[in-house]
């Protein structure tokens, strides 16, 4: 990149006018900065309590490009360390999960206990002459770790705001599915992983609020369930100033199939109504917690978008269920989730094809990278003062407010030297203030508007 990267990012991400330059999805310099500025500072999802039930239980995962190891401690806490030996940086654990008393690096044999302490060095006396201070060479630990209702998050940034501040209003929407029953949720054993040729942000932004794509992308699959489903969708979109997003569809939880899963949901509905209230119990939705945790609670799906390059990412997908649901229901939920949102699911393959084709075009083309992408849907029609739902809300299922705030927050992380503090609430924007998008824009948007102008002149 020949110009200052912050200047280029400001041009590429004009969230105020709903214009995004696709260079942010393919540029290697931007990707490397992303790993440092976003994944090196934001709170990232690590594991759920149900994945680490006993002391010594561990889960292998990633924080951006860095492999990390989450380990349940003897006192019940969870600690997260870089999965890298302090001697030569070799992974000390290659298993996806399990239970262990210690971890030995298979390169030179340095061994660590579950508290990250270096407990054994081969030939300490003859190779190091007993001069090595083992206490100084334990595993590198993340700066902060915390949990919200059993969901563990970690950050490399010691100056990051507390997790509850980071989640903000998103907790109201998270509670709508983690608090459905007194027992909360659990993640069924096993994770499905697959690779997409595309950029991780495409998946994260879609799950945060793109209900619009479903009427076309998923017409063949969703239309088979309910012919009127795509015609009559009503709901809201929530856009958090912290970059999170949630889309909710109204009046769907009262329709249940005559099968074990449907009967369970029908039997539980009155209790959920009492616990959550009508405004949340009678909805299904999808969400993204900035930057890369997403889910479809209605499809029992929780996932992380792991970046593997500017044009490649891995999806790690789990099935989430009510912890106190009968085993028959949990099995049915796993089958249903795999059918729709698994690697070969009828809905998942629709999305994967879109992301892959976009990735191919950006990877191979040059002019394709120069045109502006339109993120203007619903702009100016949101409110920060909805009588029911917290956050910036659009009383319409179709909108792109969550995407605009996602990229606004992404830009703040990418261009800020310190942790970017975001206000909880901003001045109200009224419907009548929404002008014709693209008119009267400043120089910040001029570069990516060239693509629109060229298209208009043809």
Foldseek 3Di string as FASTA:
>chain_A
DPDDPLLVLLLQFPLQLQWHFCCCLAPFVNLVLCCCLFLQFDWDWDFFCQQAVAFQKWAWDDSFPFIKIWGQHPVRDIWIFGQAFLPHGAGQDDDRIDGDQWTFRPPQTFIAGRVQFGDDGPPCCPPVVVPDDRRVGGTHTALDWDDDLRTIITHNDVPHDDPCQLCFLVVLVVCLQQVLDPQGKHWDPDKAKDKFQTGLQLVQLCLQAAPVCCVPLVVVPVCVVPVCPSVDWFWKKFAFLSLKIKTKTFQDLCDFDPDPQRVVSNVSLVVSCVRNNRVRSGIWIKMHRPPFWIAGSVLQKTWGWHDDGSGMTMIIITGMDRPPDDPVNVVVSVVSSCCQPNPPHSPNVSSSVVRRVVSVCVVPDDVSSQAIDGQCFCPLQWWCPDPPGHHTMHRGSHHRNSVSSNSVNSSQSSPDPDHDDGDRDDDTRHNVNDDDRPPPDDPSHVRNCVNVVVVVVD
